[in-house]
Protein backbone atom coordinates (compact mmCIF):
# COMPACT_ATOMS: atom_id res chain seq x y z
CA MET A 1 20.38 4.55 1.60
CA LYS A 2 21.28 8.26 0.60
CA ASN A 3 18.42 10.82 1.64
CA GLY A 4 17.78 11.85 -1.55
CA VAL A 5 16.91 8.18 -2.64
CA VAL A 6 14.93 7.66 0.31
CA LEU A 7 12.90 10.90 -0.43
CA ALA A 8 12.36 9.68 -4.26
CA ILE A 9 10.98 6.77 -2.58
CA LEU A 10 8.66 8.52 -0.41
CA SER A 11 7.32 10.46 -3.26
CA SER A 12 6.76 7.83 -5.60
CA LEU A 13 4.86 6.31 -2.89
CA VAL A 14 2.74 9.04 -2.21
CA PHE A 15 2.14 9.34 -5.66
CA SER A 16 1.14 6.12 -6.07
CA VAL A 17 -1.30 6.41 -3.09
CA MET A 18 -2.97 9.91 -4.95
CA ASN A 19 -3.23 7.43 -8.42
CA ALA A 20 -5.16 4.65 -6.07
CA LEU A 21 -7.47 7.56 -4.51
CA VAL A 22 -8.28 8.81 -8.24
CA LYS A 23 -9.02 5.37 -9.60
CA ALA A 24 -11.43 4.98 -6.35
CA VAL A 25 -13.42 7.92 -6.59
CA SER A 26 -13.26 7.66 -10.71
CA LEU A 27 -15.58 5.09 -10.09
CA THR A 28 -18.18 7.66 -9.37
CA ILE A 29 -16.88 10.74 -10.09
CA PRO A 30 -15.45 12.01 -13.44
CA TYR A 31 -12.12 12.30 -13.84
CA ALA A 32 -12.13 16.20 -14.99
CA GLU A 33 -13.73 16.87 -11.85
CA SER A 34 -11.05 15.09 -9.78
CA VAL A 35 -8.60 17.51 -11.63
CA PHE A 36 -10.83 20.05 -10.42
CA PHE A 37 -10.56 19.46 -7.05
CA ARG A 38 -6.84 18.58 -6.72
CA SER A 39 -5.73 21.46 -8.52
CA ILE A 40 -8.08 24.16 -6.85
CA ILE A 41 -7.09 22.59 -3.53
CA GLY A 42 -3.52 22.76 -4.43
CA THR A 43 -3.98 26.50 -5.75
CA ILE A 44 -5.35 27.48 -2.29
CA ILE A 45 -2.34 25.95 -0.16
CA ILE A 46 0.72 27.23 -2.46
CA LEU A 47 -1.24 30.45 -2.41
CA PHE A 48 -1.17 30.97 1.35
CA LEU A 49 2.34 29.52 1.48
CA MET A 50 3.51 32.44 -0.73
CA LYS A 51 1.40 34.83 0.67
CA ARG A 52 3.03 33.46 4.31
CA LYS A 53 6.24 33.99 2.74
CA ASN A 54 5.13 37.30 1.27
CA MET A 55 6.58 36.49 -2.25
CA PRO A 56 5.05 38.27 -5.05
CA PHE A 57 4.11 37.64 -8.32
CA SER A 58 6.78 38.13 -11.39
CA LYS A 59 5.74 41.08 -13.72
CA THR A 60 7.61 39.29 -16.16
CA GLY A 61 7.68 35.98 -17.91
CA ARG A 62 3.86 35.44 -17.69
CA PRO A 63 3.45 33.74 -21.06
CA MET A 64 5.96 31.05 -20.28
CA LEU A 65 4.37 30.53 -17.09
CA ALA A 66 1.23 30.09 -18.63
CA VAL A 67 2.18 27.68 -21.29
CA ARG A 68 3.64 25.60 -18.31
CA GLY A 69 0.22 25.55 -16.82
CA VAL A 70 -1.80 24.83 -20.05
CA PHE A 71 0.92 21.93 -20.40
CA GLY A 72 0.67 20.86 -16.72
CA ALA A 73 -3.42 20.91 -16.91
CA LEU A 74 -3.44 18.79 -20.42
CA TYR A 75 -0.73 16.30 -18.61
CA LEU A 76 -3.55 16.01 -15.50
CA LEU A 77 -6.21 15.91 -17.73
CA ALA A 78 -5.13 13.14 -19.75
CA TYR A 79 -3.81 10.96 -16.72
CA PHE A 80 -6.54 10.81 -14.37
CA TYR A 81 -8.58 9.69 -17.53
CA THR A 82 -5.92 7.31 -18.35
CA ILE A 83 -5.96 5.80 -14.35
CA SER A 84 -9.61 5.86 -14.74
CA LYS A 85 -10.19 3.84 -17.96
CA ILE A 86 -7.14 1.13 -17.54
CA PRO A 87 -5.25 -0.47 -14.66
CA LEU A 88 -2.89 1.57 -12.54
CA ALA A 89 0.44 -0.45 -13.60
CA ASP A 90 -0.42 0.17 -17.43
CA ALA A 91 -1.26 3.88 -16.98
CA SER A 92 2.04 3.93 -14.78
CA ILE A 93 4.27 2.48 -17.03
CA LEU A 94 2.80 4.93 -20.06
CA ALA A 95 3.25 7.55 -17.89
CA HIS A 96 6.90 6.90 -17.15
CA MET A 97 7.52 7.65 -21.16
CA SER A 98 7.72 11.29 -20.03
CA PRO A 99 11.77 11.11 -19.46
CA PHE A 100 11.81 9.97 -23.28
CA PHE A 101 9.62 12.47 -24.66
CA ALA A 102 11.73 15.30 -22.10
CA VAL A 103 15.25 14.44 -23.53
CA VAL A 104 14.04 15.15 -27.33
CA LEU A 105 12.11 18.04 -26.25
CA ALA A 106 14.82 19.85 -24.52
CA GLY A 107 17.12 18.84 -27.38
CA VAL A 108 14.74 20.90 -29.85
CA PHE A 109 13.68 23.65 -28.11
CA LEU A 110 16.08 24.17 -25.31
CA LYS A 111 19.13 23.42 -27.64
CA GLU A 112 20.38 20.71 -25.08
CA LYS A 113 22.85 18.14 -26.89
CA LEU A 114 20.81 14.99 -27.64
CA PRO A 115 22.53 11.90 -26.37
CA LYS A 116 24.17 9.78 -29.62
CA MET A 117 22.63 6.75 -28.49
CA LEU A 118 18.76 8.15 -28.85
CA LEU A 119 18.25 6.34 -32.36
CA PHE A 120 19.16 3.31 -31.15
CA VAL A 121 16.76 3.70 -27.99
CA LEU A 122 13.71 5.00 -29.94
CA PRO A 123 12.89 1.65 -31.31
CA ALA A 124 12.90 -0.08 -27.97
CA VAL A 125 10.42 2.76 -26.68
CA ILE A 126 8.34 2.14 -29.69
CA LEU A 127 8.07 -1.29 -29.53
CA GLY A 128 7.33 -0.99 -25.79
CA ALA A 129 4.35 1.75 -26.33
CA VAL A 130 2.72 -0.27 -29.14
CA MET A 131 2.58 -3.42 -27.08
CA LEU A 132 1.16 -1.42 -24.25
CA VAL A 133 -1.43 0.27 -26.60
CA LYS A 134 -2.03 -2.89 -28.27
CA PRO A 135 -3.54 -1.38 -31.78
CA GLN A 136 -3.98 -4.58 -33.04
CA GLN A 137 -6.68 -5.76 -30.97
CA PHE A 138 -8.77 -2.29 -32.02
CA GLU A 139 -10.48 -2.28 -28.39
CA THR A 140 -11.47 1.05 -26.36
CA TYR A 141 -8.31 -0.14 -24.79
CA SER A 142 -5.85 0.85 -26.89
CA MET A 143 -7.76 4.25 -27.18
CA PHE A 144 -7.22 5.02 -23.47
CA ALA A 145 -3.81 3.70 -23.70
CA PHE A 146 -3.06 6.27 -26.47
CA VAL A 147 -4.15 8.66 -24.19
CA GLY A 148 -1.81 7.59 -21.51
CA VAL A 149 0.73 8.21 -23.83
CA LEU A 150 -0.30 11.73 -24.83
CA SER A 151 0.05 12.24 -20.75
CA ALA A 152 3.66 11.26 -20.79
CA PHE A 153 4.17 13.82 -23.95
CA PHE A 154 2.85 16.31 -22.31
CA ALA A 155 4.46 15.77 -18.81
CA ALA A 156 7.71 16.05 -20.96
CA CYS A 157 6.60 19.30 -22.21
CA ALA A 158 5.85 20.58 -18.76
CA ALA A 159 9.06 19.43 -17.77
CA THR A 160 10.66 21.41 -20.35
CA SER A 161 9.29 24.69 -19.57
CA ILE A 162 9.86 24.09 -16.08
CA ARG A 163 13.47 23.69 -17.31
CA TYR A 164 13.58 26.88 -19.04
CA LEU A 165 11.58 28.52 -16.03
CA SER A 166 13.16 27.36 -13.03
CA SER A 167 16.42 29.82 -13.19
CA ARG A 168 14.07 33.06 -13.50
CA HIS A 169 11.08 31.94 -11.30
CA HIS A 170 10.47 30.56 -7.73
CA SER A 171 9.22 27.16 -7.54
CA TYR A 172 6.16 28.16 -5.94
CA GLU A 173 5.22 30.71 -8.34
CA ILE A 174 5.53 27.59 -11.16
CA VAL A 175 3.63 25.29 -9.10
CA PHE A 176 1.14 28.38 -8.43
CA TYR A 177 0.52 28.94 -12.45
CA PHE A 178 0.22 24.88 -12.97
CA LEU A 179 -2.14 24.49 -10.39
CA ALA A 180 -4.12 27.87 -11.44
CA THR A 181 -4.26 26.85 -15.09
CA ALA A 182 -5.34 23.15 -14.70
CA THR A 183 -8.38 24.43 -11.96
CA VAL A 184 -9.58 26.72 -15.33
CA VAL A 185 -8.86 24.35 -18.21
CA SER A 186 -10.97 21.76 -16.24
CA VAL A 187 -13.90 23.35 -15.55
CA PRO A 188 -15.26 22.83 -19.27
CA PHE A 189 -14.71 19.26 -19.10
CA MET A 190 -16.55 18.77 -16.13
CA TRP A 191 -19.01 21.35 -17.00
CA ASN A 192 -21.97 18.93 -18.08
CA SER A 193 -20.93 15.85 -16.08
CA PHE A 194 -20.23 17.48 -12.63
CA ILE A 195 -21.75 15.22 -9.50
CA VAL A 196 -22.13 16.71 -6.07
CA PRO A 197 -19.56 14.62 -3.97
CA SER A 198 -20.73 12.09 -1.00
CA PRO A 199 -19.02 13.10 2.33
CA LEU A 200 -16.85 9.88 1.62
CA GLU A 201 -16.07 11.34 -2.06
CA LEU A 202 -15.24 14.25 -1.10
CA PHE A 203 -12.74 13.62 1.77
CA TYR A 204 -10.94 11.26 -1.28
CA LEU A 205 -10.97 14.49 -3.28
CA VAL A 206 -9.34 16.51 -0.52
CA CYS A 207 -7.18 13.37 0.25
CA ILE A 208 -5.95 13.69 -3.92
CA GLY A 209 -4.91 17.50 -3.72
CA VAL A 210 -3.05 17.40 -0.23
CA VAL A 211 -1.28 13.99 -1.21
CA SER A 212 -0.38 15.35 -4.44
CA LEU A 213 1.27 18.48 -3.06
CA LEU A 214 2.91 16.21 -0.40
CA GLY A 215 4.38 14.15 -2.88
CA GLN A 216 5.50 17.20 -4.81
CA LEU A 217 7.38 18.56 -1.59
CA PHE A 218 9.22 15.02 -1.39
CA LEU A 219 10.33 14.87 -5.08
CA THR A 220 11.46 18.56 -4.57
CA SER A 221 13.47 17.76 -1.44
CA ALA A 222 14.69 14.64 -3.37
CA PHE A 223 16.30 16.70 -6.26
CA THR A 224 18.28 19.10 -3.40
CA HIS A 225 19.82 16.21 -1.97
CA GLU A 226 21.05 13.60 -5.34
CA ASN A 227 21.91 13.65 -8.48
CA VAL A 228 18.71 14.03 -10.80
CA ILE A 229 19.43 10.88 -13.06
CA VAL A 230 19.53 9.00 -9.95
CA VAL A 231 16.01 10.34 -8.58
CA GLU A 232 14.29 10.06 -11.77
CA VAL A 233 15.59 6.24 -11.85
CA THR A 234 14.56 5.77 -8.40
CA ARG A 235 11.32 7.14 -8.96
CA TYR A 236 10.68 3.77 -11.43
CA ILE A 237 9.57 2.07 -8.39
CA GLY A 238 6.43 3.99 -8.31
CA ILE A 239 5.34 1.29 -10.97
CA VAL A 240 5.59 -1.20 -8.29
CA PHE A 241 3.62 0.43 -5.71
CA ASN A 242 0.72 1.27 -8.85
CA ALA A 243 0.80 -2.37 -9.61
CA MET A 244 0.32 -3.24 -5.67
CA TRP A 245 -2.63 -1.06 -5.10
CA GLY A 246 -4.14 -2.27 -8.23
CA PHE A 247 -3.68 -5.75 -7.59
CA LEU A 248 -4.96 -5.32 -3.88
CA PHE A 249 -7.93 -3.33 -4.68
CA TRP A 250 -9.11 -3.96 -7.78
CA SER A 251 -7.41 -7.64 -8.84
CA GLU A 252 -5.75 -6.06 -11.72
CA ILE A 253 -3.09 -8.21 -13.17
CA PRO A 254 -0.59 -7.39 -15.81
CA ASP A 255 -0.61 -9.61 -19.39
CA THR A 256 2.66 -10.85 -20.37
CA GLN A 257 2.46 -8.54 -23.14
CA THR A 258 2.18 -5.38 -20.91
CA LEU A 259 4.99 -6.60 -18.69
CA ALA A 260 7.46 -7.00 -22.00
CA GLY A 261 6.41 -3.79 -23.21
CA GLY A 262 6.87 -1.96 -20.13
CA MET A 263 10.24 -3.55 -19.43
CA LEU A 264 11.21 -2.11 -22.87
CA ILE A 265 10.01 1.39 -21.94
CA ILE A 266 11.68 1.52 -18.30
CA SER A 267 14.83 -0.15 -19.57
CA ALA A 268 15.18 2.25 -22.49
CA CYS A 269 14.77 5.55 -20.55
CA ILE A 270 16.62 4.39 -17.59
CA PHE A 271 19.32 3.82 -20.00
CA LEU A 272 18.76 7.06 -22.28
CA SER A 273 18.80 8.81 -18.75
CA ARG A 274 22.02 7.42 -17.53
CA ARG A 275 23.72 8.01 -20.66
CA LYS A 276 22.82 11.81 -21.43
CA GLN A 277 24.17 12.16 -17.46
CA LEU A 278 27.31 10.48 -18.39
CA GLU A 279 27.83 12.56 -21.45
CA ILE A 280 27.05 15.68 -19.70
CA GLN A 281 29.83 15.01 -17.05
CA ILE A 282 32.43 13.87 -19.53
CA SER A 283 31.32 17.49 -21.27
CA ARG A 284 31.99 18.95 -18.01
CA LEU A 285 35.29 17.64 -17.48
CA ARG A 286 36.82 18.47 -21.00
CA SER A 287 35.46 22.16 -20.53
CA ARG A 288 37.38 22.42 -17.15
CA LYS A 289 40.73 20.95 -18.18
CA VAL A 290 40.60 23.61 -21.10
């Protein structure tokens, strides 16, 4: 097993632990408050790292950095809300729809070539999402699951902006804008529902901030050691980890419809990602021959 794959698995495991902590603390602490603590702790740590490396903030490109921050903040709010309302495995599957949205957004806004198979994959992704959201049952679960789909969309928007910013700004600065913006954006959402955390709850909240940053570091290292598509595909093991925590701590067992919808989404996104990477490699080989 290559280092990049190991790091991707570790990243997925660490993020699944973060999700479990969010789920546990959400029983008594509002989701927006979890986002606030997760963000402000990460902001302080990343700011310390930037100061330690004497890394100045860019004077240009701030609007786009702010846009990345807003989308990242909306993703966190939607995802943490979803985790607090539905089973971990369900929330994780819906969040893993983001690669599909990212491919489409990159084609529209970054002018990247859209895979020819997109039209064939689209029905499978939509069907899988419908099976998870379960609109035909008209339950509150359906709305919570729809917010989970929105979290995947916001994550894809953030990923698209990161792709644009990565050649212009250091990753630390991009992460700082994300976490700082999420800290500010989460305040209005928790203003009327803030609960002073107990020592144990505060410990959970601090762990969420530290663990999430650790997972981000593992993920960043994975991308430097392995092909992007290999890392993205490997990260789907996170769904297994989340399902495991959900079963062990909250006795959450996905129903048949959820499993079928999840398999459709995962299979479609993996196929689309691998197909897109293959087309990129073929394009590069042709350009070299020319």
